[in-house]
Protein backbone atom coordinates (compact mmCIF):
# COMPACT_ATOMS: atom_id res chain seq x y z
CA MET A 1 7.32 -32.19 27.77
CA LYS A 2 8.01 -33.14 31.34
CA PHE A 3 11.46 -34.57 31.84
CA SER A 4 14.38 -34.66 34.23
CA VAL A 5 15.94 -31.22 34.44
CA SER A 6 19.06 -32.64 36.11
CA ALA A 7 19.58 -35.07 33.23
CA VAL A 8 19.19 -32.33 30.67
CA ALA A 9 21.60 -30.10 32.55
CA ALA A 10 24.18 -32.87 32.73
CA CYS A 11 23.96 -33.45 28.99
CA ALA A 12 24.09 -29.74 28.25
CA ALA A 13 27.30 -29.41 30.24
CA LEU A 14 29.00 -31.78 27.82
CA LEU A 15 27.95 -29.83 24.74
CA PRO A 16 29.59 -26.75 23.25
CA SER A 17 27.73 -23.46 23.28
CA VAL A 18 25.37 -23.20 20.33
CA SER A 19 23.59 -20.37 18.58
CA GLY A 20 20.04 -20.40 17.29
CA THR A 21 19.02 -22.45 14.29
CA ILE A 22 15.79 -22.33 12.29
CA PHE A 23 15.01 -25.76 10.84
CA TYR A 24 11.53 -25.04 9.48
CA ALA A 25 10.31 -21.81 7.85
CA GLY A 26 7.29 -20.95 5.77
CA VAL A 27 3.74 -19.68 5.73
CA ALA A 28 0.33 -20.45 7.21
CA GLU A 29 -2.26 -21.60 4.68
CA SER A 30 -5.61 -20.10 5.65
CA SER A 31 -8.75 -20.95 3.66
CA GLY A 32 -9.78 -24.29 5.08
CA GLU A 33 -11.65 -22.52 7.90
CA PHE A 34 -13.58 -20.26 5.50
CA GLY A 35 -17.27 -20.25 4.63
CA VAL A 36 -18.94 -20.49 8.05
CA TRP A 37 -19.14 -16.88 9.25
CA SER A 38 -22.66 -15.60 9.96
CA ALA A 39 -23.49 -11.92 10.45
CA THR A 40 -26.40 -13.06 12.62
CA ALA A 41 -24.35 -15.70 14.48
CA THR A 42 -26.58 -18.46 13.13
CA PRO A 43 -25.26 -21.88 14.19
CA GLY A 44 -24.63 -24.31 11.35
CA THR A 45 -23.96 -21.63 8.75
CA GLY A 46 -21.76 -22.98 5.98
CA LEU A 47 -21.58 -26.52 7.32
CA PRO A 48 -20.47 -28.76 5.83
CA GLY A 49 -19.75 -26.31 3.01
CA ARG A 50 -18.75 -26.92 -0.58
CA PHE A 51 -15.10 -27.75 -1.09
CA GLY A 52 -13.59 -25.52 -3.74
CA VAL A 53 -16.51 -23.08 -3.50
CA ASP A 54 -16.90 -22.08 0.14
CA TYR A 55 -13.48 -23.15 1.33
CA SER A 56 -10.29 -24.81 0.21
CA PHE A 57 -6.98 -25.77 1.77
CA ILE A 58 -4.16 -24.87 -0.62
CA SER A 59 -3.47 -23.88 -4.17
CA ASN A 60 -0.98 -26.32 -5.66
CA SER A 61 0.53 -23.56 -7.77
CA GLY A 62 0.93 -21.36 -4.71
CA ILE A 63 2.71 -24.18 -2.88
CA ASP A 64 4.90 -24.70 -5.96
CA THR A 65 5.99 -21.06 -5.91
CA MET A 66 6.63 -21.02 -2.18
CA VAL A 67 8.78 -24.17 -2.32
CA ASP A 68 10.49 -23.84 -5.70
CA LYS A 69 11.05 -20.08 -5.78
CA ASN A 70 10.87 -18.99 -2.16
CA LYS A 71 12.60 -22.13 -0.83
CA VAL A 72 10.37 -22.55 2.23
CA ASN A 73 9.89 -25.97 3.80
CA LEU A 74 6.90 -25.50 6.12
CA PHE A 75 3.16 -24.89 5.72
CA ARG A 76 0.54 -24.68 8.49
CA VAL A 77 -2.75 -25.81 6.97
CA ALA A 78 -6.00 -24.81 8.69
CA PHE A 79 -9.15 -26.92 8.89
CA LEU A 80 -12.34 -26.89 10.97
CA LEU A 81 -13.17 -29.59 13.49
CA GLU A 82 -16.85 -29.30 12.53
CA ARG A 83 -16.07 -30.39 8.99
CA MET A 84 -13.62 -33.15 9.84
CA ALA A 85 -15.83 -34.50 12.63
CA PRO A 86 -19.35 -33.30 11.74
CA LEU A 87 -21.92 -32.33 14.34
CA SER A 88 -24.06 -35.33 13.37
CA TYR A 89 -21.21 -37.56 14.56
CA GLY A 90 -19.85 -35.37 17.32
CA LEU A 91 -16.20 -34.71 17.99
CA GLY A 92 -14.25 -37.94 18.05
CA ALA A 93 -12.80 -40.70 15.93
CA LYS A 94 -15.51 -40.79 13.25
CA PHE A 95 -14.65 -38.53 10.32
CA ASN A 96 -16.35 -37.20 7.22
CA GLU A 97 -14.17 -39.26 4.91
CA THR A 98 -14.77 -37.07 1.86
CA HIS A 99 -13.59 -34.01 3.74
CA TYR A 100 -10.67 -35.88 5.28
CA ASN A 101 -9.55 -37.05 1.84
CA TYR A 102 -9.55 -33.49 0.49
CA TYR A 103 -7.39 -32.46 3.43
CA LYS A 104 -5.06 -35.43 3.06
CA GLN A 105 -4.58 -34.64 -0.63
CA SER A 106 -3.36 -31.18 0.32
CA ILE A 107 -1.05 -32.46 3.03
CA ASP A 108 0.31 -35.16 0.71
CA TYR A 109 0.99 -32.56 -1.98
CA ILE A 110 3.01 -30.48 0.44
CA THR A 111 4.90 -33.34 2.06
CA LYS A 112 5.20 -36.01 -0.62
CA THR A 113 5.12 -34.11 -3.91
CA LYS A 114 7.02 -31.01 -2.76
CA GLY A 115 9.05 -32.52 0.07
CA ALA A 116 8.13 -29.87 2.66
CA TYR A 117 6.69 -30.22 6.17
CA ALA A 118 3.07 -29.56 7.12
CA ILE A 119 1.45 -28.56 10.41
CA LEU A 120 -2.10 -29.82 10.87
CA ASP A 121 -4.07 -26.87 12.29
CA PRO A 122 -7.55 -27.34 13.80
CA HIS A 123 -8.50 -23.68 13.69
CA ASN A 124 -11.05 -23.79 16.51
CA TYR A 125 -9.87 -21.79 19.54
CA MET A 126 -10.49 -24.81 21.83
CA ARG A 127 -14.17 -24.78 20.86
CA TYR A 128 -16.46 -27.11 18.95
CA ASN A 129 -20.05 -27.14 17.59
CA ASP A 130 -20.58 -23.58 16.31
CA PRO A 131 -17.93 -21.72 14.28
CA SER A 132 -20.43 -19.12 13.00
CA SER A 133 -18.83 -16.32 15.02
CA GLN A 134 -15.32 -17.55 15.49
CA PRO A 135 -13.24 -16.95 17.50
CA PHE A 136 -15.90 -16.57 20.18
CA SER A 137 -18.74 -18.94 19.25
CA GLY A 138 -18.93 -22.59 20.11
CA SER A 139 -18.73 -24.56 23.34
CA VAL A 140 -15.41 -24.82 25.12
CA ILE A 141 -14.14 -28.37 24.76
CA GLY A 142 -14.24 -30.15 28.10
CA ASN A 143 -16.57 -27.67 29.81
CA THR A 144 -18.62 -29.99 32.02
CA THR A 145 -21.11 -27.23 32.88
CA ASP A 146 -22.13 -26.97 29.22
CA LYS A 147 -24.22 -29.97 28.16
CA THR A 148 -23.59 -29.17 24.49
CA ALA A 149 -19.79 -29.19 24.84
CA ALA A 150 -17.57 -31.92 23.47
CA THR A 151 -15.63 -33.69 26.19
CA THR A 152 -11.92 -33.80 26.86
CA ALA A 153 -12.03 -37.53 26.06
CA GLN A 154 -13.64 -36.80 22.69
CA PHE A 155 -10.88 -34.32 21.88
CA GLY A 156 -8.35 -37.00 22.69
CA ALA A 157 -10.20 -39.54 20.54
CA PHE A 158 -10.18 -37.11 17.63
CA TRP A 159 -6.43 -36.60 17.85
CA GLY A 160 -5.78 -40.29 18.29
CA GLU A 161 -7.59 -41.04 15.04
CA LEU A 162 -6.00 -38.18 13.09
CA ALA A 163 -2.54 -39.12 14.37
CA LYS A 164 -3.00 -42.76 13.42
CA ARG A 165 -3.84 -41.74 9.86
CA PHE A 166 -0.72 -39.57 9.47
CA ALA A 167 1.70 -41.57 11.62
CA SER A 168 3.54 -42.99 8.61
CA ASN A 169 4.30 -39.50 7.27
CA GLU A 170 7.29 -38.15 9.21
CA LYS A 171 6.88 -34.71 7.64
CA VAL A 172 3.52 -34.12 9.31
CA ILE A 173 3.48 -32.06 12.50
CA PHE A 174 0.50 -32.11 14.85
CA GLY A 175 -0.59 -28.61 15.91
CA LEU A 176 -3.02 -29.43 18.70
CA MET A 177 -5.24 -26.33 18.56
CA ASN A 178 -5.26 -22.79 17.23
CA GLU A 179 -5.35 -20.04 19.87
CA PRO A 180 -7.17 -21.35 22.93
CA HIS A 181 -8.63 -18.41 24.87
CA ASP A 182 -10.92 -17.78 27.79
CA VAL A 183 -10.45 -21.36 28.95
CA PRO A 184 -9.50 -22.21 32.54
CA SER A 185 -5.85 -23.19 32.37
CA SER A 186 -6.42 -26.46 34.21
CA LEU A 187 -8.92 -27.48 31.52
CA TYR A 188 -6.69 -26.17 28.74
CA LEU A 189 -3.86 -28.38 30.00
CA ALA A 190 -6.14 -31.39 30.49
CA ASN A 191 -7.34 -31.12 26.88
CA LEU A 192 -3.79 -30.90 25.56
CA GLN A 193 -2.70 -33.85 27.68
CA ALA A 194 -5.58 -35.97 26.41
CA ALA A 195 -4.52 -35.20 22.85
CA VAL A 196 -0.84 -36.00 23.48
CA ASP A 197 -1.74 -39.24 25.26
CA ALA A 198 -3.97 -40.34 22.39
CA ILE A 199 -1.39 -39.41 19.76
CA ARG A 200 1.32 -41.44 21.42
CA LYS A 201 -1.05 -44.34 22.11
CA SER A 202 -1.77 -44.44 18.36
CA GLY A 203 1.90 -45.17 17.74
CA ALA A 204 2.63 -41.84 16.05
CA LYS A 205 6.09 -40.43 16.74
CA ASN A 206 5.45 -37.16 14.88
CA LEU A 207 6.43 -33.80 16.30
CA ILE A 208 3.62 -32.17 18.31
CA ILE A 209 3.28 -28.43 18.88
CA ALA A 210 1.23 -27.32 21.87
CA PRO A 211 -0.34 -23.84 21.97
CA GLY A 212 -0.37 -21.31 24.75
CA ASN A 213 -3.57 -20.18 26.38
CA SER A 214 -4.65 -16.53 25.96
CA TRP A 215 -4.55 -16.73 22.15
CA SER A 216 -1.04 -18.27 22.28
CA GLY A 217 0.35 -14.75 22.67
CA GLY A 218 4.04 -14.78 23.48
CA HIS A 219 3.76 -11.37 25.12
CA ALA A 220 1.13 -12.75 27.54
CA TRP A 221 2.93 -15.98 28.45
CA THR A 222 3.75 -14.97 32.00
CA GLN A 223 0.76 -12.68 32.52
CA GLY A 224 -2.52 -13.50 34.26
CA GLY A 225 -1.40 -14.70 37.65
CA ASN A 226 -1.97 -18.38 38.31
CA GLU A 227 -3.81 -18.73 34.99
CA ALA A 228 -0.78 -17.65 32.95
CA THR A 229 0.35 -20.16 30.32
CA GLY A 230 3.81 -20.13 31.85
CA ASN A 231 2.44 -21.74 35.01
CA TRP A 232 0.91 -24.66 33.14
CA LEU A 233 2.27 -25.67 29.76
CA HIS A 234 5.61 -27.03 31.01
CA LYS A 235 3.57 -29.65 32.93
CA LEU A 236 2.48 -31.29 29.67
CA VAL A 237 3.96 -34.80 29.49
CA ASP A 238 5.11 -36.34 26.22
CA PRO A 239 6.71 -39.76 26.73
CA LEU A 240 8.71 -39.30 23.52
CA ASN A 241 9.77 -35.75 24.41
CA ASN A 242 8.96 -34.58 20.89
CA THR A 243 6.64 -31.69 21.70
CA ALA A 244 7.43 -28.04 21.04
CA VAL A 245 5.54 -24.88 22.02
CA ASP A 246 3.27 -22.96 19.63
CA ILE A 247 3.51 -19.16 19.97
CA HIS A 248 1.74 -16.31 18.15
CA GLU A 249 2.97 -12.73 18.20
CA TYR A 250 1.62 -9.71 16.31
CA LEU A 251 3.11 -6.26 16.32
CA ASP A 252 0.15 -3.87 16.45
CA LYS A 253 -1.14 -2.02 19.49
CA ASP A 254 -3.46 -4.76 20.77
CA PHE A 255 -1.54 -7.80 19.44
CA SER A 256 -4.49 -8.72 17.23
CA GLY A 257 -2.82 -8.44 13.83
CA GLY A 258 -5.66 -6.24 12.68
CA HIS A 259 -3.93 -2.88 12.37
CA ILE A 260 -1.51 -1.29 9.94
CA ALA A 261 0.67 0.43 12.53
CA CYS A 262 3.35 -1.72 14.20
CA GLU A 263 3.73 -0.43 17.76
CA GLN A 264 4.72 -3.47 19.83
CA ASP A 265 8.40 -4.37 19.74
CA PRO A 266 8.51 -8.17 19.35
CA VAL A 267 12.01 -8.57 20.75
CA THR A 268 10.95 -6.90 23.98
CA ASN A 269 7.63 -8.71 24.11
CA LEU A 270 9.11 -12.17 23.50
CA ALA A 271 11.70 -11.81 26.25
CA GLY A 272 9.47 -13.34 28.91
CA VAL A 273 8.47 -16.42 26.95
CA THR A 274 12.05 -16.91 25.76
CA ALA A 275 13.25 -16.91 29.37
CA TRP A 276 10.50 -19.42 30.18
CA LEU A 277 11.58 -21.65 27.30
CA LYS A 278 15.18 -21.51 28.53
CA GLU A 279 14.12 -22.30 32.09
CA HIS A 280 12.19 -25.39 31.05
CA LYS A 281 14.56 -26.46 28.25
CA LEU A 282 11.80 -26.25 25.63
CA LYS A 283 11.71 -25.44 21.92
CA ALA A 284 9.16 -23.31 20.08
CA PHE A 285 7.57 -22.41 16.77
CA VAL A 286 6.05 -19.01 16.09
CA THR A 287 3.22 -20.11 13.82
CA GLU A 288 1.52 -16.74 13.42
CA PHE A 289 3.08 -13.31 13.06
CA GLY A 290 2.88 -10.53 10.51
CA GLY A 291 3.00 -6.86 9.73
CA SER A 292 1.89 -4.35 7.14
CA ASN A 293 3.93 -2.75 4.39
CA THR A 294 5.17 0.19 6.48
CA THR A 295 8.78 1.04 7.28
CA ALA A 296 8.17 0.53 10.99
CA CYS A 297 6.70 -2.91 10.38
CA ALA A 298 9.60 -3.91 8.14
CA THR A 299 12.04 -2.92 10.88
CA MET A 300 10.17 -4.91 13.52
CA LEU A 301 9.71 -7.95 11.29
CA ASN A 302 13.42 -7.97 10.53
CA SER A 303 14.20 -7.74 14.24
CA MET A 304 11.77 -10.52 15.10
CA LEU A 305 13.06 -12.91 12.46
CA ASP A 306 16.66 -12.19 13.49
CA TYR A 307 15.73 -12.75 17.13
CA MET A 308 14.28 -16.16 16.37
CA SER A 309 17.30 -17.17 14.32
CA GLN A 310 19.67 -16.09 17.08
CA ASN A 311 17.93 -17.88 19.96
CA GLU A 312 18.13 -21.65 19.94
CA GLU A 313 14.74 -21.96 21.63
CA TYR A 314 13.07 -21.11 18.30
CA ILE A 315 13.25 -23.83 15.67
CA GLY A 316 10.55 -22.79 13.18
CA TRP A 317 8.06 -20.19 12.00
CA THR A 318 5.12 -19.63 9.68
CA ALA A 319 4.00 -16.13 8.70
CA TRP A 320 0.29 -15.25 8.59
CA ALA A 321 -0.99 -15.88 5.94
CA ALA A 322 -1.39 -17.22 2.43
CA GLY A 323 -4.35 -19.18 1.12
CA PRO A 324 -6.27 -19.56 -2.13
CA PHE A 325 -9.51 -17.92 -0.96
CA TRP A 326 -8.27 -14.58 0.36
CA GLY A 327 -8.52 -12.82 -2.98
CA THR A 328 -7.91 -9.10 -2.45
CA ALA A 329 -8.82 -9.35 1.25
CA SER A 330 -5.99 -9.37 3.77
CA PRO A 331 -5.44 -11.83 6.61
CA CYS A 332 -3.36 -9.42 8.64
CA CYS A 333 -2.37 -5.94 9.50
CA THR A 334 -4.33 -3.62 7.18
CA ASP A 335 -7.20 -2.06 9.20
CA SER A 336 -9.51 -4.01 6.84
CA ALA A 337 -8.01 -2.45 3.70
CA GLN A 338 -7.79 -4.92 0.82
CA TYR A 339 -4.10 -5.39 0.18
CA GLY A 340 -4.21 -9.08 -0.69
CA SER A 341 -2.31 -11.79 1.15
CA PHE A 342 0.93 -13.77 1.10
CA GLU A 343 -0.57 -16.02 -1.59
CA PRO A 344 1.76 -15.84 -4.62
CA GLY A 345 0.05 -14.06 -7.48
CA SER A 346 -2.54 -12.36 -5.27
CA LYS A 347 -3.35 -8.69 -5.86
CA ALA A 348 -4.66 -5.82 -3.81
CA ALA A 349 -8.01 -4.26 -4.63
CA GLY A 350 -7.64 -2.35 -7.87
CA GLY A 351 -4.93 -4.69 -9.10
CA GLY A 352 -2.08 -3.24 -7.06
CA PRO A 353 0.69 -5.22 -5.40
CA SER A 354 -0.32 -7.58 -2.62
CA LEU A 355 1.29 -8.25 0.74
CA TYR A 356 3.22 -11.02 -0.99
CA ASP A 357 4.83 -8.33 -3.13
CA THR A 358 5.25 -5.65 -0.47
CA VAL A 359 5.96 -7.63 2.73
CA TRP A 360 6.85 -11.23 1.92
CA LEU A 361 9.33 -10.68 -0.91
CA PRO A 362 11.18 -7.57 0.33
CA VAL A 363 11.22 -8.47 4.04
CA ILE A 364 10.32 -12.01 5.12
CA GLN A 365 11.77 -13.78 2.08
CA LYS A 366 15.21 -12.41 2.87
CA LYS A 367 15.10 -14.13 6.26
CA VAL A 368 14.28 -17.61 4.96
CA PRO A 369 17.44 -19.58 5.77
CA ALA A 370 19.38 -20.85 2.76
CA LYS A 371 19.50 -24.26 4.40
CA LEU A 372 16.60 -25.96 6.16
CA GLN A 373 15.64 -29.51 7.10
CA TRP A 374 14.34 -31.32 4.01
CA SER A 375 14.37 -34.95 5.12
CA GLY A 376 13.67 -37.09 8.13
CA LEU A 377 11.28 -36.93 11.06
CA ALA A 378 10.45 -33.45 12.32
CA THR A 379 11.74 -33.21 15.89
CA ILE A 380 12.48 -30.63 18.55
CA ASN A 381 16.16 -31.12 17.74
CA GLY A 382 15.79 -30.60 14.00
CA GLY A 383 17.71 -32.53 11.40
CA ALA A 384 20.37 -32.12 8.75
CA LEU A 385 20.32 -28.68 7.11
CA THR A 386 20.54 -28.61 3.33
CA SER A 387 19.45 -26.56 0.37
CA LYS A 388 16.19 -27.63 -1.24
CA PRO A 389 16.81 -30.96 -3.01
CA SER A 390 16.53 -30.76 -6.77
CA HIS A 391 14.33 -33.85 -7.02
CA TYR A 392 11.37 -31.98 -5.52
């Protein structure tokens, strides 16, 4: 993402003023990271796991509804590094091919059968080797003081292999890592750079999205002194200049997405990162956000979605979360109450309406643009905006 600011400014001076445009909009698919939690923090729990029993990636029928009825064109699909690159191999270019093929089938269904775009999401918090107590367990990738940690080079090798396998699919977007946290920012940046370098060396031209440190929180982008994401991420170099920023922003008191009450105004809290994006001429996705089914949350979600659509720095979003294995449990914003998820057809405990019924349809669905990008390579500049093609 490093480039000549003077050249960009010169080009910008020749262009008319533009308003914001959302090219990609949809939902995060969370279930591929399931099945490894251990109440006793026992390493190795649930690995490799049974596909379709302990974890899954998508429900084809759920994707059908989201694309055909809800007209979304983007899905962020979670997986675990420890399943794709098992501990017996170590992180790197050697994959569990059975697991990879399950994942590829899901990505192909989204991108080739339904014509939408898919973000590959290693849901690992910049850690590898023990997801039993995510988001805190596991060794920080690249930590040279931890003999059990995967190296920065291994992280690059992993992304080089994954990118090579998806390079021919222009609708695949590479999300480098979910929510790095408690990682020195110099190491965080080195890991991201290794991944970008390996991706481009593989020949892949696909759009990359690079996360912030500190859980990718937009509100925290310029906080933390020298360690703040805003002091580091703009230094990431992509020779193709096709890398966007990956931001998360929840609306509850501690920005965790765990509580019913929405108390943090997203428009106010995104102001700092938006100014940073403008300063460095960067584009962004908000790949996690959400709220409960309260009036206050509906108001804030509306404001947030309008804010993204009105600021050209934001080109895409995925709400948290759908997924075939949530059942009546909720991925966001319920103080652990079981209100279901954004998965179409899901129900709350007792058979009541789910968050799909009470938050997605009445609030978020209304903000899905009528026209999105449905063809061509995903890029930071977007592509032609159309209604969903009838042939999908």
